[in-house]
PDB file of N, CA and C in Angstrom:
ATOM      1  N   MET A   1      92.101  99.424  91.967  1.00  0.00           N
ATOM      2  CA  MET A   1      90.984 100.154  92.513  1.00  0.00           C
ATOM      3  C   MET A   1      89.872 100.285  91.480  1.00  0.00           C
ATOM      4  N   ALA A   2      90.266 100.344  90.214  1.00  0.00           N
ATOM      5  CA  ALA A   2      89.260 100.450  89.163  1.00  0.00           C
ATOM      6  C   ALA A   2      88.348  99.226  89.161  1.00  0.00           C
ATOM      7  N   GLU A   3      88.904  98.065  89.448  1.00  0.00           N
ATOM      8  CA  GLU A   3      88.098  96.845  89.506  1.00  0.00           C
ATOM      9  C   GLU A   3      87.083  96.911  90.644  1.00  0.00           C
ATOM     10  N   ILE A   4      87.491  97.458  91.768  1.00  0.00           N
ATOM     11  CA  ILE A   4      86.586  97.591  92.918  1.00  0.00           C
ATOM     12  C   ILE A   4      85.451  98.546  92.572  1.00  0.00           C
ATOM     13  N   ALA A   5      85.808  99.672  91.987  1.00  0.00           N
ATOM     14  CA  ALA A   5      84.789 100.656  91.600  1.00  0.00           C
ATOM     15  C   ALA A   5      83.803 100.046  90.603  1.00  0.00           C
ATOM     16  N   ALA A   6      84.313  99.322  89.621  1.00  0.00           N
ATOM     17  CA  ALA A   6      83.447  98.703  88.620  1.00  0.00           C
ATOM     18  C   ALA A   6      82.547  97.644  89.255  1.00  0.00           C
ATOM     19  N   LYS A   7      83.091  96.888  90.186  1.00  0.00           N
ATOM     20  CA  LYS A   7      82.314  95.842  90.858  1.00  0.00           C
ATOM     21  C   LYS A   7      81.081  96.410  91.559  1.00  0.00           C
ATOM     22  N   PHE A   8      81.227  97.609  92.134  1.00  0.00           N
ATOM     23  CA  PHE A   8      80.124  98.243  92.850  1.00  0.00           C
ATOM     24  C   PHE A   8      79.384  99.289  92.017  1.00  0.00           C
ATOM     25  N   GLY A   9      79.787  99.443  90.759  1.00  0.00           N
ATOM     26  CA  GLY A   9      79.109 100.388  89.879  1.00  0.00           C
ATOM     27  C   GLY A   9      79.343 101.838  90.274  1.00  0.00           C
ATOM     28  N   LEU A  10      80.517 102.134  90.813  1.00  0.00           N
ATOM     29  CA  LEU A  10      80.845 103.489  91.247  1.00  0.00           C
ATOM     30  C   LEU A  10      81.978 104.049  90.399  1.00  0.00           C
ATOM     31  N   SER A  11      82.062 105.357  90.358  1.00  0.00           N
ATOM     32  CA  SER A  11      83.214 105.958  89.691  1.00  0.00           C
ATOM     33  C   SER A  11      84.416 105.834  90.619  1.00  0.00           C
ATOM     34  N   LEU A  12      85.587 105.819  90.043  1.00  0.00           N
ATOM     35  CA  LEU A  12      86.814 105.703  90.825  1.00  0.00           C
ATOM     36  C   LEU A  12      86.973 106.885  91.770  1.00  0.00           C
ATOM     37  N   THR A  13      86.605 108.069  91.317  1.00  0.00           N
ATOM     38  CA  THR A  13      86.693 109.268  92.139  1.00  0.00           C
ATOM     39  C   THR A  13      85.754 109.182  93.340  1.00  0.00           C
ATOM     40  N   TYR A  14      84.515 108.766  93.079  1.00  0.00           N
ATOM     41  CA  TYR A  14      83.546 108.659  94.177  1.00  0.00           C
ATOM     42  C   TYR A  14      83.985 107.599  95.182  1.00  0.00           C
ATOM     43  N   LEU A  15      84.444 106.455  94.696  1.00  0.00           N
ATOM     44  CA  LEU A  15      84.895 105.392  95.590  1.00  0.00           C
ATOM     45  C   LEU A  15      86.024 105.894  96.491  1.00  0.00           C
ATOM     46  N   GLY A  16      86.984 106.586  95.904  1.00  0.00           N
ATOM     47  CA  GLY A  16      88.108 107.111  96.678  1.00  0.00           C
ATOM     48  C   GLY A  16      87.672 108.097  97.737  1.00  0.00           C
ATOM     49  N   SER A  17      86.805 109.022  97.377  1.00  0.00           N
ATOM     50  CA  SER A  17      86.366 110.020  98.357  1.00  0.00           C
ATOM     51  C   SER A  17      85.462 109.401  99.421  1.00  0.00           C
ATOM     52  N   TYR A  18      84.620 108.460  99.041  1.00  0.00           N
ATOM     53  CA  TYR A  18      83.752 107.781  99.996  1.00  0.00           C
ATOM     54  C   TYR A  18      84.583 106.998 101.013  1.00  0.00           C
ATOM     55  N   PHE A  19      85.569 106.255 100.516  1.00  0.00           N
ATOM     56  CA  PHE A  19      86.423 105.462 101.406  1.00  0.00           C
ATOM     57  C   PHE A  19      87.184 106.376 102.367  1.00  0.00           C
ATOM     58  N   GLN A  20      87.704 107.459 101.834  1.00  0.00           N
ATOM     59  CA  GLN A  20      88.450 108.424 102.655  1.00  0.00           C
ATOM     60  C   GLN A  20      87.562 108.980 103.764  1.00  0.00           C
ATOM     61  N   LYS A  21      86.329 109.313 103.412  1.00  0.00           N
ATOM     62  CA  LYS A  21      85.392 109.887 104.381  1.00  0.00           C
ATOM     63  C   LYS A  21      85.024 108.877 105.473  1.00  0.00           C
ATOM     64  N   GLN A  22      84.818 107.629 105.089  1.00  0.00           N
ATOM     65  CA  GLN A  22      84.385 106.604 106.047  1.00  0.00           C
ATOM     66  C   GLN A  22      85.522 106.066 106.915  1.00  0.00           C
ATOM     67  N   CYS A  23      86.729 105.979 106.350  1.00  0.00           N
ATOM     68  CA  CYS A  23      87.833 105.297 107.039  1.00  0.00           C
ATOM     69  C   CYS A  23      88.975 106.221 107.459  1.00  0.00           C
ATOM     70  N   ASN A  24      88.884 107.468 107.083  1.00  0.00           N
ATOM     71  CA  ASN A  24      89.931 108.446 107.406  1.00  0.00           C
ATOM     72  C   ASN A  24      91.311 108.070 106.880  1.00  0.00           C
ATOM     73  N   GLU A  25      91.356 107.322 105.791  1.00  0.00           N
ATOM     74  CA  GLU A  25      92.595 107.032 105.074  1.00  0.00           C
ATOM     75  C   GLU A  25      92.232 106.710 103.636  1.00  0.00           C
ATOM     76  N   SER A  26      93.181 106.874 102.750  1.00  0.00           N
ATOM     77  CA  SER A  26      92.880 106.620 101.343  1.00  0.00           C
ATOM     78  C   SER A  26      92.786 105.117 101.080  1.00  0.00           C
ATOM     79  N   LEU A  27      92.050 104.772 100.058  1.00  0.00           N
ATOM     80  CA  LEU A  27      91.913 103.375  99.670  1.00  0.00           C
ATOM     81  C   LEU A  27      93.268 102.815  99.262  1.00  0.00           C
ATOM     82  N   GLN A  28      94.044 103.608  98.552  1.00  0.00           N
ATOM     83  CA  GLN A  28      95.375 103.171  98.124  1.00  0.00           C
ATOM     84  C   GLN A  28      96.258 102.859  99.337  1.00  0.00           C
ATOM     85  N   TYR A  29      96.224 103.710 100.353  1.00  0.00           N
ATOM     86  CA  TYR A  29      97.004 103.481 101.571  1.00  0.00           C
ATOM     87  C   TYR A  29      96.525 102.217 102.275  1.00  0.00           C
ATOM     88  N   TYR A  30      95.233 102.014 102.349  1.00  0.00           N
ATOM     89  CA  TYR A  30      94.672 100.823 102.985  1.00  0.00           C
ATOM     90  C   TYR A  30      95.139  99.555 102.276  1.00  0.00           C
ATOM     91  N   ILE A  31      95.064  99.561 100.955  1.00  0.00           N
ATOM     92  CA  ILE A  31      95.482  98.393 100.174  1.00  0.00           C
ATOM     93  C   ILE A  31      96.971  98.130 100.361  1.00  0.00           C
ATOM     94  N   SER A  32      97.784  99.176 100.305  1.00  0.00           N
ATOM     95  CA  SER A  32      99.232  99.016 100.498  1.00  0.00           C
ATOM     96  C   SER A  32      99.544  98.468 101.886  1.00  0.00           C
ATOM     97  N   SER A  33      98.895  98.980 102.898  1.00  0.00           N
ATOM     98  CA  SER A  33      99.114  98.505 104.267  1.00  0.00           C
ATOM     99  C   SER A  33      98.717  97.050 104.421  1.00  0.00           C
ATOM    100  N   TYR A  34      97.623  96.680 103.800  1.00  0.00           N
ATOM    101  CA  TYR A  34      97.163  95.297 103.864  1.00  0.00           C
ATOM    102  C   TYR A  34      98.155  94.368 103.167  1.00  0.00           C
ATOM    103  N   ARG A  35      98.638  94.780 102.003  1.00  0.00           N
ATOM    104  CA  ARG A  35      99.639  93.983 101.281  1.00  0.00           C
ATOM    105  C   ARG A  35     100.904  93.815 102.115  1.00  0.00           C
ATOM    106  N   ILE A  36     101.325  94.874 102.793  1.00  0.00           N
ATOM    107  CA  ILE A  36     102.507  94.801 103.640  1.00  0.00           C
ATOM    108  C   ILE A  36     102.301  93.776 104.745  1.00  0.00           C
ATOM    109  N   ARG A  37     101.141  93.799 105.382  1.00  0.00           N
ATOM    110  CA  ARG A  37     100.855  92.830 106.454  1.00  0.00           C
ATOM    111  C   ARG A  37     100.873  91.390 105.924  1.00  0.00           C
ATOM    112  N   LEU A  38     100.332  91.188 104.729  1.00  0.00           N
ATOM    113  CA  LEU A  38     100.356  89.855 104.126  1.00  0.00           C
ATOM    114  C   LEU A  38     101.781  89.415 103.806  1.00  0.00           C
ATOM    115  N   ILE A  39     102.578  90.328 103.270  1.00  0.00           N
ATOM    116  CA  ILE A  39     103.971  90.020 102.950  1.00  0.00           C
ATOM    117  C   ILE A  39     104.740  89.695 104.227  1.00  0.00           C
ATOM    118  N   GLU A  40     104.529  90.489 105.277  1.00  0.00           N
ATOM    119  CA  GLU A  40     105.185  90.227 106.561  1.00  0.00           C
ATOM    120  C   GLU A  40     104.855  88.817 107.060  1.00  0.00           C
ATOM    121  N   HIS A  41     103.599  88.459 106.972  1.00  0.00           N
ATOM    122  CA  HIS A  41     103.169  87.145 107.439  1.00  0.00           C
ATOM    123  C   HIS A  41     103.850  86.037 106.641  1.00  0.00           C
ATOM    124  N   ARG A  42     103.901  86.189 105.328  1.00  0.00           N
ATOM    125  CA  ARG A  42     104.540  85.174 104.477  1.00  0.00           C
ATOM    126  C   ARG A  42     106.028  85.074 104.773  1.00  0.00           C
ATOM    127  N   LEU A  43     106.677  86.206 105.020  1.00  0.00           N
ATOM    128  CA  LEU A  43     108.104  86.188 105.341  1.00  0.00           C
ATOM    129  C   LEU A  43     108.361  85.505 106.677  1.00  0.00           C
ATOM    130  N   GLN A  44     107.500  85.743 107.624  1.00  0.00           N
ATOM    131  CA  GLN A  44     107.701  85.232 108.976  1.00  0.00           C
ATOM    132  C   GLN A  44     107.356  83.750 109.107  1.00  0.00           C
ATOM    133  N   PHE A  45     106.324  83.310 108.439  1.00  0.00           N
ATOM    134  CA  PHE A  45     105.816  81.958 108.675  1.00  0.00           C
ATOM    135  C   PHE A  45     105.969  80.993 107.504  1.00  0.00           C
ATOM    136  N   SER A  46     106.791  81.341 106.520  1.00  0.00           N
ATOM    137  CA  SER A  46     107.041  80.417 105.422  1.00  0.00           C
ATOM    138  C   SER A  46     108.483  80.553 104.964  1.00  0.00           C
ATOM    139  N   ASP A  47     108.907  79.584 104.196  1.00  0.00           N
ATOM    140  CA  ASP A  47     110.251  79.613 103.616  1.00  0.00           C
ATOM    141  C   ASP A  47     110.200  79.970 102.137  1.00  0.00           C
ATOM    142  N   ILE A  48     109.137  80.629 101.727  1.00  0.00           N
ATOM    143  CA  ILE A  48     108.960  80.994 100.334  1.00  0.00           C
ATOM    144  C   ILE A  48     110.153  81.828  99.850  1.00  0.00           C
ATOM    145  N   ARG A  49     110.594  81.570  98.651  1.00  0.00           N
ATOM    146  CA  ARG A  49     111.699  82.333  98.072  1.00  0.00           C
ATOM    147  C   ARG A  49     111.185  83.699  97.650  1.00  0.00           C
ATOM    148  N   LEU A  50     112.083  84.662  97.658  1.00  0.00           N
ATOM    149  CA  LEU A  50     111.673  86.042  97.396  1.00  0.00           C
ATOM    150  C   LEU A  50     111.097  86.218  95.996  1.00  0.00           C
ATOM    151  N   HIS A  51     111.641  85.530  95.001  1.00  0.00           N
ATOM    152  CA  HIS A  51     111.075  85.674  93.654  1.00  0.00           C
ATOM    153  C   HIS A  51     109.670  85.076  93.576  1.00  0.00           C
ATOM    154  N   GLU A  52     109.404  84.042  94.371  1.00  0.00           N
ATOM    155  CA  GLU A  52     108.065  83.467  94.425  1.00  0.00           C
ATOM    156  C   GLU A  52     107.102  84.427  95.131  1.00  0.00           C
ATOM    157  N   LEU A  53     107.595  85.077  96.175  1.00  0.00           N
ATOM    158  CA  LEU A  53     106.800  86.062  96.899  1.00  0.00           C
ATOM    159  C   LEU A  53     106.433  87.230  95.976  1.00  0.00           C
ATOM    160  N   ALA A  54     107.405  87.694  95.212  1.00  0.00           N
ATOM    161  CA  ALA A  54     107.163  88.791  94.268  1.00  0.00           C
ATOM    162  C   ALA A  54     106.075  88.406  93.272  1.00  0.00           C
ATOM    163  N   SER A  55     106.179  87.219  92.745  1.00  0.00           N
ATOM    164  CA  SER A  55     105.182  86.742  91.776  1.00  0.00           C
ATOM    165  C   SER A  55     103.804  86.610  92.417  1.00  0.00           C
ATOM    166  N   GLU A  56     103.751  86.063  93.622  1.00  0.00           N
ATOM    167  CA  GLU A  56     102.482  85.877  94.336  1.00  0.00           C
ATOM    168  C   GLU A  56     101.748  87.195  94.548  1.00  0.00           C
ATOM    169  N   PHE A  57     102.495  88.267  94.799  1.00  0.00           N
ATOM    170  CA  PHE A  57     101.874  89.558  95.072  1.00  0.00           C
ATOM    171  C   PHE A  57     101.817  90.477  93.860  1.00  0.00           C
ATOM    172  N   GLY A  58     102.111  89.946  92.683  1.00  0.00           N
ATOM    173  CA  GLY A  58     101.939  90.693  91.448  1.00  0.00           C
ATOM    174  C   GLY A  58     103.045  91.679  91.109  1.00  0.00           C
ATOM    175  N   PHE A  59     104.214  91.516  91.700  1.00  0.00           N
ATOM    176  CA  PHE A  59     105.346  92.368  91.368  1.00  0.00           C
ATOM    177  C   PHE A  59     106.137  91.718  90.238  1.00  0.00           C
ATOM    178  N   THR A  60     106.772  92.535  89.418  1.00  0.00           N
ATOM    179  CA  THR A  60     107.483  91.998  88.268  1.00  0.00           C
ATOM    180  C   THR A  60     108.744  91.244  88.655  1.00  0.00           C
ATOM    181  N   ASP A  61     109.401  91.670  89.722  1.00  0.00           N
ATOM    182  CA  ASP A  61     110.600  90.977  90.188  1.00  0.00           C
ATOM    183  C   ASP A  61     110.883  91.338  91.637  1.00  0.00           C
ATOM    184  N   VAL A  62     111.928  90.747  92.180  1.00  0.00           N
ATOM    185  CA  VAL A  62     112.267  90.929  93.591  1.00  0.00           C
ATOM    186  C   VAL A  62     112.623  92.378  93.897  1.00  0.00           C
ATOM    187  N   SER A  63     113.283  93.054  92.975  1.00  0.00           N
ATOM    188  CA  SER A  63     113.684  94.441  93.262  1.00  0.00           C
ATOM    189  C   SER A  63     112.467  95.349  93.455  1.00  0.00           C
ATOM    190  N   HIS A  64     111.385  95.088  92.719  1.00  0.00           N
ATOM    191  CA  HIS A  64     110.182  95.921  92.869  1.00  0.00           C
ATOM    192  C   HIS A  64     109.487  95.682  94.206  1.00  0.00           C
ATOM    193  N   ILE A  65     109.338  94.429  94.600  1.00  0.00           N
ATOM    194  CA  ILE A  65     108.688  94.159  95.884  1.00  0.00           C
ATOM    195  C   ILE A  65     109.583  94.630  97.024  1.00  0.00           C
ATOM    196  N   ASN A  66     110.896  94.492  96.852  1.00  0.00           N
ATOM    197  CA  ASN A  66     111.827  94.936  97.883  1.00  0.00           C
ATOM    198  C   ASN A  66     111.752  96.455  98.066  1.00  0.00           C
ATOM    199  N   LYS A  67     111.656  97.182  96.968  1.00  0.00           N
ATOM    200  CA  LYS A  67     111.542  98.644  97.027  1.00  0.00           C
ATOM    201  C   LYS A  67     110.236  99.045  97.712  1.00  0.00           C
ATOM    202  N   PHE A  68     109.137  98.388  97.358  1.00  0.00           N
ATOM    203  CA  PHE A  68     107.830  98.643  97.965  1.00  0.00           C
ATOM    204  C   PHE A  68     107.890  98.380  99.467  1.00  0.00           C
ATOM    205  N   PHE A  69     108.448  97.234  99.850  1.00  0.00           N
ATOM    206  CA  PHE A  69     108.521  96.842 101.260  1.00  0.00           C
ATOM    207  C   PHE A  69     109.427  97.800 102.034  1.00  0.00           C
ATOM    208  N   LYS A  70     110.561  98.137 101.457  1.00  0.00           N
ATOM    209  CA  LYS A  70     111.519  99.014 102.137  1.00  0.00           C
ATOM    210  C   LYS A  70     110.945 100.408 102.350  1.00  0.00           C
ATOM    211  N   ARG A  71     110.151 100.884 101.388  1.00  0.00           N
ATOM    212  CA  ARG A  71     109.522 102.201 101.516  1.00  0.00           C
ATOM    213  C   ARG A  71     108.565 102.234 102.711  1.00  0.00           C
ATOM    214  N   HIS A  72     107.901 101.129 102.973  1.00  0.00           N
ATOM    215  CA  HIS A  72     106.924 101.077 104.060  1.00  0.00           C
ATOM    216  C   HIS A  72     107.513 100.640 105.397  1.00  0.00           C
ATOM    217  N   LYS A  73     108.488  99.754 105.380  1.00  0.00           N
ATOM    218  CA  LYS A  73     109.011  99.174 106.615  1.00  0.00           C
ATOM    219  C   LYS A  73     110.429  99.638 106.960  1.00  0.00           C
ATOM    220  N   GLY A  74     111.117 100.263 106.019  1.00  0.00           N
ATOM    221  CA  GLY A  74     112.459 100.764 106.296  1.00  0.00           C
ATOM    222  C   GLY A  74     113.543  99.702 106.297  1.00  0.00           C
ATOM    223  N   MET A  75     113.225  98.503 105.818  1.00  0.00           N
ATOM    224  CA  MET A  75     114.231  97.445 105.729  1.00  0.00           C
ATOM    225  C   MET A  75     113.887  96.517 104.573  1.00  0.00           C
ATOM    226  N   SER A  76     114.875  95.782 104.132  1.00  0.00           N
ATOM    227  CA  SER A  76     114.671  94.866 103.012  1.00  0.00           C
ATOM    228  C   SER A  76     113.876  93.641 103.464  1.00  0.00           C
ATOM    229  N   LEU A  77     113.390  92.899 102.489  1.00  0.00           N
ATOM    230  CA  LEU A  77     112.664  91.663 102.779  1.00  0.00           C
ATOM    231  C   LEU A  77     113.553  90.687 103.538  1.00  0.00           C
ATOM    232  N   LYS A  78     114.772  90.544 103.080  1.00  0.00           N
ATOM    233  CA  LYS A  78     115.698  89.603 103.717  1.00  0.00           C
ATOM    234  C   LYS A  78     116.005  90.021 105.155  1.00  0.00           C
ATOM    235  N   ALA A  79     116.259  91.312 105.374  1.00  0.00           N
ATOM    236  CA  ALA A  79     116.544  91.803 106.722  1.00  0.00           C
ATOM    237  C   ALA A  79     115.350  91.577 107.642  1.00  0.00           C
ATOM    238  N   TYR A  80     114.138  91.778 107.140  1.00  0.00           N
ATOM    239  CA  TYR A  80     112.933  91.549 107.940  1.00  0.00           C
ATOM    240  C   TYR A  80     112.837  90.079 108.332  1.00  0.00           C
ATOM    241  N   ARG A  81     113.056  89.198 107.363  1.00  0.00           N
ATOM    242  CA  ARG A  81     112.971  87.758 107.640  1.00  0.00           C
ATOM    243  C   ARG A  81     114.018  87.335 108.672  1.00  0.00           C
ATOM    244  N   VAL A  82     115.233  87.818 108.525  1.00  0.00           N
ATOM    245  CA  VAL A  82     116.300  87.483 109.478  1.00  0.00           C
ATOM    246  C   VAL A  82     115.937  87.982 110.873  1.00  0.00           C
ATOM    247  N   GLN A  83     115.461  89.216 110.967  1.00  0.00           N
ATOM    248  CA  GLN A  83     115.083  89.789 112.254  1.00  0.00           C
ATOM    249  C   GLN A  83     113.981  88.973 112.921  1.00  0.00           C
ATOM    250  N   LYS A  84     112.969  88.599 112.169  1.00  0.00           N
ATOM    251  CA  LYS A  84     111.851  87.841 112.735  1.00  0.00           C
ATOM    252  C   LYS A  84     112.290  86.426 113.129  1.00  0.00           C
ATOM    253  N   ASN A  85     113.192  85.817 112.374  1.00  0.00           N
ATOM    254  CA  ASN A  85     113.683  84.486 112.731  1.00  0.00           C
ATOM    255  C   ASN A  85     114.507  84.516 114.008  1.00  0.00           C
ATOM    256  N   LYS A  86     115.219  85.590 114.251  1.00  0.00           N
ATOM    257  CA  LYS A  86     115.999  85.727 115.479  1.00  0.00           C
ATOM    258  C   LYS A  86     115.071  85.871 116.692  1.00  0.00           C
ATOM    259  N   GLN A  87     113.917  86.490 116.504  1.00  0.00           N
ATOM    260  CA  GLN A  87     112.982  86.726 117.602  1.00  0.00           C
ATOM    261  C   GLN A  87     112.238  85.455 117.998  1.00  0.00           C
ATOM    262  N   GLN A  88     112.208  84.484 117.130  1.00  0.00           N
ATOM    263  CA  GLN A  88     111.438  83.259 117.413  1.00  0.00           C
ATOM    264  C   GLN A  88     112.211  82.281 118.197  1.00  0.00           C
TER     265      GLN A  88
END
């Protein structure tokens, strides 16, 4: 978020409050939700390995991305992929 604020010449505090006011959600929540949607898409439509997925999204290892994903979706990356493959 600091990079976004710097890009527009705004303070991090102002950017956060402005985004919250305009979108009725925090910038951090928006970014996390967007990342989740991207991860879901990659899991559903590619055969990318989980360690490659973790690296692509800037996580240090599979356990970190799995924890992030599970916190938001309530299931592991592997369980999500299996579920989506069964639906297709």
